[in-house]
Amino acid sequence: MTAENKDLELGDIITLDDENGEPLGDFEVIALFELNGKEYVALTDAVEDEAQADDVDEEVDIFVFQVDGGEMVPLEENEEAAVYVKLNEVLEGIELVDETK
């Protein structure tokens, strides 16, 4: 997987391409974290406007990749469980803010 941006920050919208260079879509960076000396990024489908955000189900798909040399690489099968446990810890610490209030 490749992304257009190499210096990722929370809230960034990036376009992912598959192995053949075909765009998979736009994704938003929702978490950046380290585990066992490796860096990881968590992404979810990007929501472009407020009307679209209102249509999003309670459940969202979250995709996690290891960041290695500016490239996002899929998780190894043996590290998936530990990475998702760490992601849950990171996401528990996030306070959701309603900017309309």
PDB file of N, CA and C in Angstrom:
ATOM      1  N   MET A   1       0.847  -1.172   0.000  1.00  0.00           N
ATOM      2  CA  MET A   1       0.000   0.000   0.000  1.00  0.00           C
ATOM      3  C   MET A   1       0.892   1.234   0.000  1.00  0.00           C
ATOM      4  N   THR A   2       0.498   2.197  -0.749  1.00  0.00           N
ATOM      5  CA  THR A   2       1.231   3.451  -0.718  1.00  0.00           C
ATOM      6  C   THR A   2       0.264   4.585  -0.460  1.00  0.00           C
ATOM      7  N   ALA A   3       0.784   5.639   0.097  1.00  0.00           N
ATOM      8  CA  ALA A   3      -0.013   6.826   0.384  1.00  0.00           C
ATOM      9  C   ALA A   3       0.681   8.030  -0.217  1.00  0.00           C
ATOM     10  N   GLU A   4      -0.102   9.072  -0.494  1.00  0.00           N
ATOM     11  CA  GLU A   4       0.466  10.288  -1.070  1.00  0.00           C
ATOM     12  C   GLU A   4       1.340  11.027  -0.068  1.00  0.00           C
ATOM     13  N   ASN A   5       0.962  11.037   1.207  1.00  0.00           N
ATOM     14  CA  ASN A   5       1.685  11.792   2.231  1.00  0.00           C
ATOM     15  C   ASN A   5       2.585  10.855   3.014  1.00  0.00           C
ATOM     16  N   LYS A   6       3.812  11.319   3.328  1.00  0.00           N
ATOM     17  CA  LYS A   6       4.708  10.487   4.120  1.00  0.00           C
ATOM     18  C   LYS A   6       4.772  10.943   5.568  1.00  0.00           C
ATOM     19  N   ASP A   7       4.584  12.237   5.852  1.00  0.00           N
ATOM     20  CA  ASP A   7       4.586  12.750   7.219  1.00  0.00           C
ATOM     21  C   ASP A   7       3.137  12.867   7.665  1.00  0.00           C
ATOM     22  N   LEU A   8       2.621  11.804   8.227  1.00  0.00           N
ATOM     23  CA  LEU A   8       1.204  11.758   8.585  1.00  0.00           C
ATOM     24  C   LEU A   8       0.931  12.434   9.914  1.00  0.00           C
ATOM     25  N   GLU A   9      -0.244  13.075   9.996  1.00  0.00           N
ATOM     26  CA  GLU A   9      -0.721  13.680  11.226  1.00  0.00           C
ATOM     27  C   GLU A   9      -2.177  13.306  11.395  1.00  0.00           C
ATOM     28  N   LEU A  10      -2.662  13.360  12.637  1.00  0.00           N
ATOM     29  CA  LEU A  10      -4.072  13.075  12.897  1.00  0.00           C
ATOM     30  C   LEU A  10      -4.948  13.994  12.063  1.00  0.00           C
ATOM     31  N   GLY A  11      -5.993  13.413  11.476  1.00  0.00           N
ATOM     32  CA  GLY A  11      -6.930  14.189  10.684  1.00  0.00           C
ATOM     33  C   GLY A  11      -6.554  14.315   9.219  1.00  0.00           C
ATOM     34  N   ASP A  12      -5.338  13.927   8.854  1.00  0.00           N
ATOM     35  CA  ASP A  12      -4.941  13.978   7.448  1.00  0.00           C
ATOM     36  C   ASP A  12      -5.838  13.076   6.612  1.00  0.00           C
ATOM     37  N   ILE A  13      -6.141  13.507   5.417  1.00  0.00           N
ATOM     38  CA  ILE A  13      -6.863  12.688   4.451  1.00  0.00           C
ATOM     39  C   ILE A  13      -5.852  12.236   3.415  1.00  0.00           C
ATOM     40  N   ILE A  14      -5.745  10.925   3.234  1.00  0.00           N
ATOM     41  CA  ILE A  14      -4.790  10.381   2.269  1.00  0.00           C
ATOM     42  C   ILE A  14      -5.502   9.454   1.308  1.00  0.00           C
ATOM     43  N   THR A  15      -4.927   9.305   0.128  1.00  0.00           N
ATOM     44  CA  THR A  15      -5.436   8.373  -0.867  1.00  0.00           C
ATOM     45  C   THR A  15      -4.518   7.161  -0.881  1.00  0.00           C
ATOM     46  N   LEU A  16      -5.102   5.992  -0.714  1.00  0.00           N
ATOM     47  CA  LEU A  16      -4.319   4.756  -0.763  1.00  0.00           C
ATOM     48  C   LEU A  16      -4.431   4.138  -2.149  1.00  0.00           C
ATOM     49  N   ASP A  17      -3.309   3.584  -2.597  1.00  0.00           N
ATOM     50  CA  ASP A  17      -3.266   2.845  -3.848  1.00  0.00           C
ATOM     51  C   ASP A  17      -2.959   1.387  -3.550  1.00  0.00           C
ATOM     52  N   ASP A  18      -3.482   0.492  -4.391  1.00  0.00           N
ATOM     53  CA  ASP A  18      -3.160  -0.922  -4.217  1.00  0.00           C
ATOM     54  C   ASP A  18      -1.809  -1.233  -4.858  1.00  0.00           C
ATOM     55  N   GLU A  19      -1.446  -2.516  -4.889  1.00  0.00           N
ATOM     56  CA  GLU A  19      -0.157  -2.944  -5.433  1.00  0.00           C
ATOM     57  C   GLU A  19       0.012  -2.562  -6.899  1.00  0.00           C
ATOM     58  N   ASN A  20      -1.097  -2.401  -7.607  1.00  0.00           N
ATOM     59  CA  ASN A  20      -1.055  -2.074  -9.035  1.00  0.00           C
ATOM     60  C   ASN A  20      -1.142  -0.577  -9.303  1.00  0.00           C
ATOM     61  N   GLY A  21      -1.151   0.226  -8.245  1.00  0.00           N
ATOM     62  CA  GLY A  21      -1.236   1.671  -8.413  1.00  0.00           C
ATOM     63  C   GLY A  21      -2.642   2.194  -8.602  1.00  0.00           C
ATOM     64  N   GLU A  22      -3.637   1.323  -8.456  1.00  0.00           N
ATOM     65  CA  GLU A  22      -5.035   1.745  -8.599  1.00  0.00           C
ATOM     66  C   GLU A  22      -5.517   2.344  -7.280  1.00  0.00           C
ATOM     67  N   PRO A  23      -6.179   3.506  -7.323  1.00  0.00           N
ATOM     68  CA  PRO A  23      -6.663   4.126  -6.086  1.00  0.00           C
ATOM     69  C   PRO A  23      -7.727   3.277  -5.388  1.00  0.00           C
ATOM     70  N   LEU A  24      -7.584   3.135  -4.072  1.00  0.00           N
ATOM     71  CA  LEU A  24      -8.565   2.416  -3.264  1.00  0.00           C
ATOM     72  C   LEU A  24      -9.577   3.363  -2.648  1.00  0.00           C
ATOM     73  N   GLY A  25      -9.214   4.633  -2.528  1.00  0.00           N
ATOM     74  CA  GLY A  25     -10.108   5.624  -1.948  1.00  0.00           C
ATOM     75  C   GLY A  25      -9.374   6.526  -0.987  1.00  0.00           C
ATOM     76  N   ASP A  26     -10.149   7.445  -0.385  1.00  0.00           N
ATOM     77  CA  ASP A  26      -9.592   8.387   0.567  1.00  0.00           C
ATOM     78  C   ASP A  26      -9.856   7.896   1.986  1.00  0.00           C
ATOM     79  N   PHE A  27      -8.845   8.056   2.839  1.00  0.00           N
ATOM     80  CA  PHE A  27      -8.918   7.593   4.218  1.00  0.00           C
ATOM     81  C   PHE A  27      -8.408   8.686   5.141  1.00  0.00           C
ATOM     82  N   GLU A  28      -8.984   8.726   6.362  1.00  0.00           N
ATOM     83  CA  GLU A  28      -8.572   9.709   7.354  1.00  0.00           C
ATOM     84  C   GLU A  28      -7.722   9.042   8.424  1.00  0.00           C
ATOM     85  N   VAL A  29      -6.647   9.705   8.807  1.00  0.00           N
ATOM     86  CA  VAL A  29      -5.784   9.226   9.874  1.00  0.00           C
ATOM     87  C   VAL A  29      -6.481   9.502  11.208  1.00  0.00           C
ATOM     88  N   ILE A  30      -6.781   8.442  11.961  1.00  0.00           N
ATOM     89  CA  ILE A  30      -7.472   8.614  13.239  1.00  0.00           C
ATOM     90  C   ILE A  30      -6.580   8.304  14.437  1.00  0.00           C
ATOM     91  N   ALA A  31      -5.435   7.666  14.216  1.00  0.00           N
ATOM     92  CA  ALA A  31      -4.517   7.381  15.323  1.00  0.00           C
ATOM     93  C   ALA A  31      -3.130   7.095  14.768  1.00  0.00           C
ATOM     94  N   LEU A  32      -2.137   7.552  15.508  1.00  0.00           N
ATOM     95  CA  LEU A  32      -0.737   7.238  15.253  1.00  0.00           C
ATOM     96  C   LEU A  32      -0.171   6.749  16.573  1.00  0.00           C
ATOM     97  N   PHE A  33       0.515   5.607  16.563  1.00  0.00           N
ATOM     98  CA  PHE A  33       1.041   5.070  17.819  1.00  0.00           C
ATOM     99  C   PHE A  33       2.230   4.168  17.568  1.00  0.00           C
ATOM    100  N   GLU A  34       2.977   3.905  18.654  1.00  0.00           N
ATOM    101  CA  GLU A  34       4.129   3.017  18.602  1.00  0.00           C
ATOM    102  C   GLU A  34       3.867   1.785  19.444  1.00  0.00           C
ATOM    103  N   LEU A  35       4.445   0.685  19.020  1.00  0.00           N
ATOM    104  CA  LEU A  35       4.376  -0.555  19.784  1.00  0.00           C
ATOM    105  C   LEU A  35       5.623  -1.368  19.468  1.00  0.00           C
ATOM    106  N   ASN A  36       6.333  -1.757  20.488  1.00  0.00           N
ATOM    107  CA  ASN A  36       7.541  -2.572  20.329  1.00  0.00           C
ATOM    108  C   ASN A  36       8.535  -1.956  19.338  1.00  0.00           C
ATOM    109  N   GLY A  37       8.685  -0.624  19.413  1.00  0.00           N
ATOM    110  CA  GLY A  37       9.659   0.058  18.559  1.00  0.00           C
ATOM    111  C   GLY A  37       9.224   0.271  17.121  1.00  0.00           C
ATOM    112  N   LYS A  38       7.999  -0.081  16.799  1.00  0.00           N
ATOM    113  CA  LYS A  38       7.489   0.112  15.439  1.00  0.00           C
ATOM    114  C   LYS A  38       6.383   1.160  15.467  1.00  0.00           C
ATOM    115  N   GLU A  39       6.238   1.896  14.350  1.00  0.00           N
ATOM    116  CA  GLU A  39       5.202   2.908  14.241  1.00  0.00           C
ATOM    117  C   GLU A  39       4.019   2.353  13.456  1.00  0.00           C
ATOM    118  N   TYR A  40       2.810   2.762  13.895  1.00  0.00           N
ATOM    119  CA  TYR A  40       1.585   2.308  13.241  1.00  0.00           C
ATOM    120  C   TYR A  40       0.661   3.491  12.986  1.00  0.00           C
ATOM    121  N   VAL A  41      -0.178   3.343  11.971  1.00  0.00           N
ATOM    122  CA  VAL A  41      -1.190   4.341  11.648  1.00  0.00           C
ATOM    123  C   VAL A  41      -2.528   3.622  11.504  1.00  0.00           C
ATOM    124  N   ALA A  42      -3.574   4.239  12.066  1.00  0.00           N
ATOM    125  CA  ALA A  42      -4.935   3.700  11.942  1.00  0.00           C
ATOM    126  C   ALA A  42      -5.729   4.646  11.050  1.00  0.00           C
ATOM    127  N   LEU A  43      -6.448   4.068  10.103  1.00  0.00           N
ATOM    128  CA  LEU A  43      -7.208   4.834   9.121  1.00  0.00           C
ATOM    129  C   LEU A  43      -8.658   4.380   9.100  1.00  0.00           C
ATOM    130  N   THR A  44      -9.527   5.279   8.678  1.00  0.00           N
ATOM    131  CA  THR A  44     -10.916   4.932   8.418  1.00  0.00           C
ATOM    132  C   THR A  44     -11.342   5.673   7.156  1.00  0.00           C
ATOM    133  N   ASP A  45     -12.428   5.226   6.536  1.00  0.00           N
ATOM    134  CA  ASP A  45     -12.904   5.902   5.331  1.00  0.00           C
ATOM    135  C   ASP A  45     -13.111   7.378   5.610  1.00  0.00           C
ATOM    136  N   ALA A  46     -12.654   8.223   4.709  1.00  0.00           N
ATOM    137  CA  ALA A  46     -12.793   9.670   4.881  1.00  0.00           C
ATOM    138  C   ALA A  46     -14.234  10.084   4.639  1.00  0.00           C
ATOM    139  N   VAL A  47     -14.715  10.994   5.478  1.00  0.00           N
ATOM    140  CA  VAL A  47     -16.049  11.571   5.324  1.00  0.00           C
ATOM    141  C   VAL A  47     -15.837  13.005   4.860  1.00  0.00           C
ATOM    142  N   GLU A  48     -16.373  13.323   3.684  1.00  0.00           N
ATOM    143  CA  GLU A  48     -16.061  14.608   3.069  1.00  0.00           C
ATOM    144  C   GLU A  48     -16.864  15.785   3.593  1.00  0.00           C
ATOM    145  N   ASP A  49     -18.109  15.569   3.993  1.00  0.00           N
ATOM    146  CA  ASP A  49     -18.898  16.703   4.468  1.00  0.00           C
ATOM    147  C   ASP A  49     -19.818  16.270   5.597  1.00  0.00           C
ATOM    148  N   GLU A  50     -20.435  17.251   6.242  1.00  0.00           N
ATOM    149  CA  GLU A  50     -21.274  16.977   7.410  1.00  0.00           C
ATOM    150  C   GLU A  50     -22.478  16.099   7.074  1.00  0.00           C
ATOM    151  N   ALA A  51     -23.095  16.323   5.906  1.00  0.00           N
ATOM    152  CA  ALA A  51     -24.255  15.516   5.514  1.00  0.00           C
ATOM    153  C   ALA A  51     -23.851  14.052   5.380  1.00  0.00           C
ATOM    154  N   GLN A  52     -22.692  13.821   4.808  1.00  0.00           N
ATOM    155  CA  GLN A  52     -22.194  12.452   4.656  1.00  0.00           C
ATOM    156  C   GLN A  52     -21.868  11.870   6.027  1.00  0.00           C
ATOM    157  N   ALA A  53     -21.346  12.686   6.941  1.00  0.00           N
ATOM    158  CA  ALA A  53     -21.004  12.214   8.286  1.00  0.00           C
ATOM    159  C   ALA A  53     -22.242  11.757   9.036  1.00  0.00           C
ATOM    160  N   ASP A  54     -23.370  12.438   8.815  1.00  0.00           N
ATOM    161  CA  ASP A  54     -24.613  12.055   9.482  1.00  0.00           C
ATOM    162  C   ASP A  54     -25.118  10.702   9.006  1.00  0.00           C
ATOM    163  N   ASP A  55     -24.742  10.300   7.791  1.00  0.00           N
ATOM    164  CA  ASP A  55     -25.185   9.028   7.226  1.00  0.00           C
ATOM    165  C   ASP A  55     -24.314   7.851   7.652  1.00  0.00           C
ATOM    166  N   VAL A  56     -23.192   8.121   8.298  1.00  0.00           N
ATOM    167  CA  VAL A  56     -22.263   7.061   8.701  1.00  0.00           C
ATOM    168  C   VAL A  56     -22.886   6.256   9.839  1.00  0.00           C
ATOM    169  N   ASP A  57     -22.816   4.931   9.706  1.00  0.00           N
ATOM    170  CA  ASP A  57     -23.317   4.049  10.759  1.00  0.00           C
ATOM    171  C   ASP A  57     -22.468   4.211  12.014  1.00  0.00           C
ATOM    172  N   GLU A  58     -22.993   3.713  13.117  1.00  0.00           N
ATOM    173  CA  GLU A  58     -22.245   3.731  14.372  1.00  0.00           C
ATOM    174  C   GLU A  58     -20.926   2.978  14.237  1.00  0.00           C
ATOM    175  N   GLU A  59     -20.923   1.901  13.459  1.00  0.00           N
ATOM    176  CA  GLU A  59     -19.734   1.088  13.271  1.00  0.00           C
ATOM    177  C   GLU A  59     -18.957   1.582  12.063  1.00  0.00           C
ATOM    178  N   VAL A  60     -17.652   1.734  12.215  1.00  0.00           N
ATOM    179  CA  VAL A  60     -16.804   2.123  11.096  1.00  0.00           C
ATOM    180  C   VAL A  60     -15.672   1.109  10.972  1.00  0.00           C
ATOM    181  N   ASP A  61     -15.193   0.942   9.760  1.00  0.00           N
ATOM    182  CA  ASP A  61     -14.055   0.061   9.537  1.00  0.00           C
ATOM    183  C   ASP A  61     -12.777   0.821   9.841  1.00  0.00           C
ATOM    184  N   ILE A  62     -11.882   0.182  10.570  1.00  0.00           N
ATOM    185  CA  ILE A  62     -10.592   0.771  10.890  1.00  0.00           C
ATOM    186  C   ILE A  62      -9.510  -0.135  10.317  1.00  0.00           C
ATOM    187  N   PHE A  63      -8.581   0.476   9.615  1.00  0.00           N
ATOM    188  CA  PHE A  63      -7.486  -0.247   8.990  1.00  0.00           C
ATOM    189  C   PHE A  63      -6.189   0.218   9.638  1.00  0.00           C
ATOM    190  N   VAL A  64      -5.340  -0.726  10.016  1.00  0.00           N
ATOM    191  CA  VAL A  64      -4.075  -0.383  10.668  1.00  0.00           C
ATOM    192  C   VAL A  64      -2.929  -0.900   9.807  1.00  0.00           C
ATOM    193  N   PHE A  65      -1.923  -0.039   9.648  1.00  0.00           N
ATOM    194  CA  PHE A  65      -0.728  -0.382   8.891  1.00  0.00           C
ATOM    195  C   PHE A  65       0.496  -0.026   9.709  1.00  0.00           C
ATOM    196  N   GLN A  66       1.563  -0.768   9.489  1.00  0.00           N
ATOM    197  CA  GLN A  66       2.849  -0.388  10.058  1.00  0.00           C
ATOM    198  C   GLN A  66       3.449   0.655   9.122  1.00  0.00           C
ATOM    199  N   VAL A  67       4.095   1.664   9.682  1.00  0.00           N
ATOM    200  CA  VAL A  67       4.776   2.673   8.880  1.00  0.00           C
ATOM    201  C   VAL A  67       6.256   2.334   8.916  1.00  0.00           C
ATOM    202  N   ASP A  68       6.805   2.029   7.739  1.00  0.00           N
ATOM    203  CA  ASP A  68       8.201   1.604   7.644  1.00  0.00           C
ATOM    204  C   ASP A  68       8.867   2.388   6.520  1.00  0.00           C
ATOM    205  N   GLY A  69       9.739   3.311   6.893  1.00  0.00           N
ATOM    206  CA  GLY A  69      10.455   4.095   5.887  1.00  0.00           C
ATOM    207  C   GLY A  69       9.535   4.944   5.028  1.00  0.00           C
ATOM    208  N   GLY A  70       8.464   5.458   5.614  1.00  0.00           N
ATOM    209  CA  GLY A  70       7.531   6.295   4.868  1.00  0.00           C
ATOM    210  C   GLY A  70       6.487   5.517   4.092  1.00  0.00           C
ATOM    211  N   GLU A  71       6.591   4.214   4.074  1.00  0.00           N
ATOM    212  CA  GLU A  71       5.616   3.361   3.390  1.00  0.00           C
ATOM    213  C   GLU A  71       4.723   2.679   4.414  1.00  0.00           C
ATOM    214  N   MET A  72       3.464   2.511   4.061  1.00  0.00           N
ATOM    215  CA  MET A  72       2.546   1.769   4.919  1.00  0.00           C
ATOM    216  C   MET A  72       2.522   0.322   4.444  1.00  0.00           C
ATOM    217  N   VAL A  73       2.811  -0.580   5.382  1.00  0.00           N
ATOM    218  CA  VAL A  73       2.845  -1.997   5.042  1.00  0.00           C
ATOM    219  C   VAL A  73       1.812  -2.737   5.887  1.00  0.00           C
ATOM    220  N   PRO A  74       1.194  -3.757   5.304  1.00  0.00           N
ATOM    221  CA  PRO A  74       0.190  -4.530   6.058  1.00  0.00           C
ATOM    222  C   PRO A  74       0.808  -5.172   7.294  1.00  0.00           C
ATOM    223  N   LEU A  75      -0.035  -5.396   8.293  1.00  0.00           N
ATOM    224  CA  LEU A  75       0.421  -6.035   9.523  1.00  0.00           C
ATOM    225  C   LEU A  75       0.767  -7.492   9.264  1.00  0.00           C
ATOM    226  N   GLU A  76       1.767  -7.967   9.999  1.00  0.00           N
ATOM    227  CA  GLU A  76       2.073  -9.391  10.004  1.00  0.00           C
ATOM    228  C   GLU A  76       0.993 -10.085  10.820  1.00  0.00           C
ATOM    229  N   GLU A  77       0.623 -11.271  10.425  1.00  0.00           N
ATOM    230  CA  GLU A  77      -0.449 -12.002  11.108  1.00  0.00           C
ATOM    231  C   GLU A  77      -0.156 -12.168  12.598  1.00  0.00           C
ATOM    232  N   ASN A  78       1.105 -12.411  12.944  1.00  0.00           N
ATOM    233  CA  ASN A  78       1.454 -12.658  14.344  1.00  0.00           C
ATOM    234  C   ASN A  78       1.454 -11.386  15.197  1.00  0.00           C
ATOM    235  N   GLU A  79       1.358 -10.197  14.609  1.00  0.00           N
ATOM    236  CA  GLU A  79       1.337  -8.962  15.384  1.00  0.00           C
ATOM    237  C   GLU A  79      -0.041  -8.313  15.453  1.00  0.00           C
ATOM    238  N   GLU A  80      -1.007  -8.818  14.691  1.00  0.00           N
ATOM    239  CA  GLU A  80      -2.324  -8.188  14.612  1.00  0.00           C
ATOM    240  C   GLU A  80      -3.001  -8.039  15.974  1.00  0.00           C
ATOM    241  N   ALA A  81      -3.033  -9.093  16.769  1.00  0.00           N
ATOM    242  CA  ALA A  81      -3.746  -9.050  18.050  1.00  0.00           C
ATOM    243  C   ALA A  81      -3.172  -7.968  18.958  1.00  0.00           C
ATOM    244  N   ALA A  82      -1.853  -7.924  19.116  1.00  0.00           N
ATOM    245  CA  ALA A  82      -1.219  -6.941  19.995  1.00  0.00           C
ATOM    246  C   ALA A  82      -1.431  -5.514  19.477  1.00  0.00           C
ATOM    247  N   VAL A  83      -1.390  -5.335  18.166  1.00  0.00           N
ATOM    248  CA  VAL A  83      -1.573  -4.005  17.575  1.00  0.00           C
ATOM    249  C   VAL A  83      -2.992  -3.508  17.821  1.00  0.00           C
ATOM    250  N   TYR A  84      -3.982  -4.367  17.662  1.00  0.00           N
ATOM    251  CA  TYR A  84      -5.366  -3.938  17.875  1.00  0.00           C
ATOM    252  C   TYR A  84      -5.666  -3.690  19.360  1.00  0.00           C
ATOM    253  N   VAL A  85      -5.003  -4.416  20.262  1.00  0.00           N
ATOM    254  CA  VAL A  85      -5.143  -4.136  21.690  1.00  0.00           C
ATOM    255  C   VAL A  85      -4.595  -2.736  21.975  1.00  0.00           C
ATOM    256  N   LYS A  86      -3.426  -2.420  21.436  1.00  0.00           N
ATOM    257  CA  LYS A  86      -2.825  -1.100  21.633  1.00  0.00           C
ATOM    258  C   LYS A  86      -3.703  -0.018  21.010  1.00  0.00           C
ATOM    259  N   LEU A  87      -4.248  -0.260  19.830  1.00  0.00           N
ATOM    260  CA  LEU A  87      -5.128   0.711  19.177  1.00  0.00           C
ATOM    261  C   LEU A  87      -6.344   0.993  20.052  1.00  0.00           C
ATOM    262  N   ASN A  88      -6.937  -0.045  20.633  1.00  0.00           N
ATOM    263  CA  ASN A  88      -8.088   0.151  21.519  1.00  0.00           C
ATOM    264  C   ASN A  88      -7.719   1.037  22.709  1.00  0.00           C
ATOM    265  N   GLU A  89      -6.514   0.842  23.259  1.00  0.00           N
ATOM    266  CA  GLU A  89      -6.054   1.689  24.362  1.00  0.00           C
ATOM    267  C   GLU A  89      -5.935   3.142  23.904  1.00  0.00           C
ATOM    268  N   VAL A  90      -5.380   3.348  22.719  1.00  0.00           N
ATOM    269  CA  VAL A  90      -5.211   4.702  22.183  1.00  0.00           C
ATOM    270  C   VAL A  90      -6.565   5.350  21.949  1.00  0.00           C
ATOM    271  N   LEU A  91      -7.491   4.610  21.353  1.00  0.00           N
ATOM    272  CA  LEU A  91      -8.798   5.178  21.027  1.00  0.00           C
ATOM    273  C   LEU A  91      -9.631   5.443  22.275  1.00  0.00           C
ATOM    274  N   GLU A  92      -9.437   4.669  23.339  1.00  0.00           N
ATOM    275  CA  GLU A  92     -10.163   4.913  24.590  1.00  0.00           C
ATOM    276  C   GLU A  92      -9.812   6.266  25.181  1.00  0.00           C
ATOM    277  N   GLY A  93      -8.609   6.745  24.904  1.00  0.00           N
ATOM    278  CA  GLY A  93      -8.167   8.016  25.437  1.00  0.00           C
ATOM    279  C   GLY A  93      -8.617   9.223  24.636  1.00  0.00           C
ATOM    280  N   ILE A  94      -9.313   8.994  23.533  1.00  0.00           N
ATOM    281  CA  ILE A  94      -9.753  10.094  22.673  1.00  0.00           C
ATOM    282  C   ILE A  94     -11.104  10.598  23.143  1.00  0.00           C
ATOM    283  N   GLU A  95     -11.208  11.900  23.280  1.00  0.00           N
ATOM    284  CA  GLU A  95     -12.481  12.519  23.633  1.00  0.00           C
ATOM    285  C   GLU A  95     -13.106  13.066  22.360  1.00  0.00           C
ATOM    286  N   LEU A  96     -14.316  12.606  22.047  1.00  0.00           N
ATOM    287  CA  LEU A  96     -14.994  13.078  20.856  1.00  0.00           C
ATOM    288  C   LEU A  96     -15.555  14.462  21.115  1.00  0.00           C
ATOM    289  N   VAL A  97     -15.359  15.352  20.163  1.00  0.00           N
ATOM    290  CA  VAL A  97     -15.799  16.726  20.308  1.00  0.00           C
ATOM    291  C   VAL A  97     -16.787  17.048  19.196  1.00  0.00           C
ATOM    292  N   ASP A  98     -17.943  17.581  19.569  1.00  0.00           N
ATOM    293  CA  ASP A  98     -18.938  18.023  18.602  1.00  0.00           C
ATOM    294  C   ASP A  98     -18.666  19.495  18.316  1.00  0.00           C
ATOM    295  N   GLU A  99     -18.109  19.791  17.146  1.00  0.00           N
ATOM    296  CA  GLU A  99     -17.719  21.162  16.817  1.00  0.00           C
ATOM    297  C   GLU A  99     -18.914  22.071  16.551  1.00  0.00           C
ATOM    298  N   THR A 100     -20.130  21.528  16.450  1.00  0.00           N
ATOM    299  CA  THR A 100     -21.297  22.348  16.166  1.00  0.00           C
ATOM    300  C   THR A 100     -21.876  22.975  17.429  1.00  0.00           C
ATOM    301  N   LYS A 101     -21.391  22.574  18.597  1.00  0.00           N
ATOM    302  CA  LYS A 101     -21.923  23.109  19.866  1.00  0.00           C
ATOM    303  C   LYS A 101     -21.038  24.183  20.425  1.00  0.00           C
TER     304      LYS A 101
END
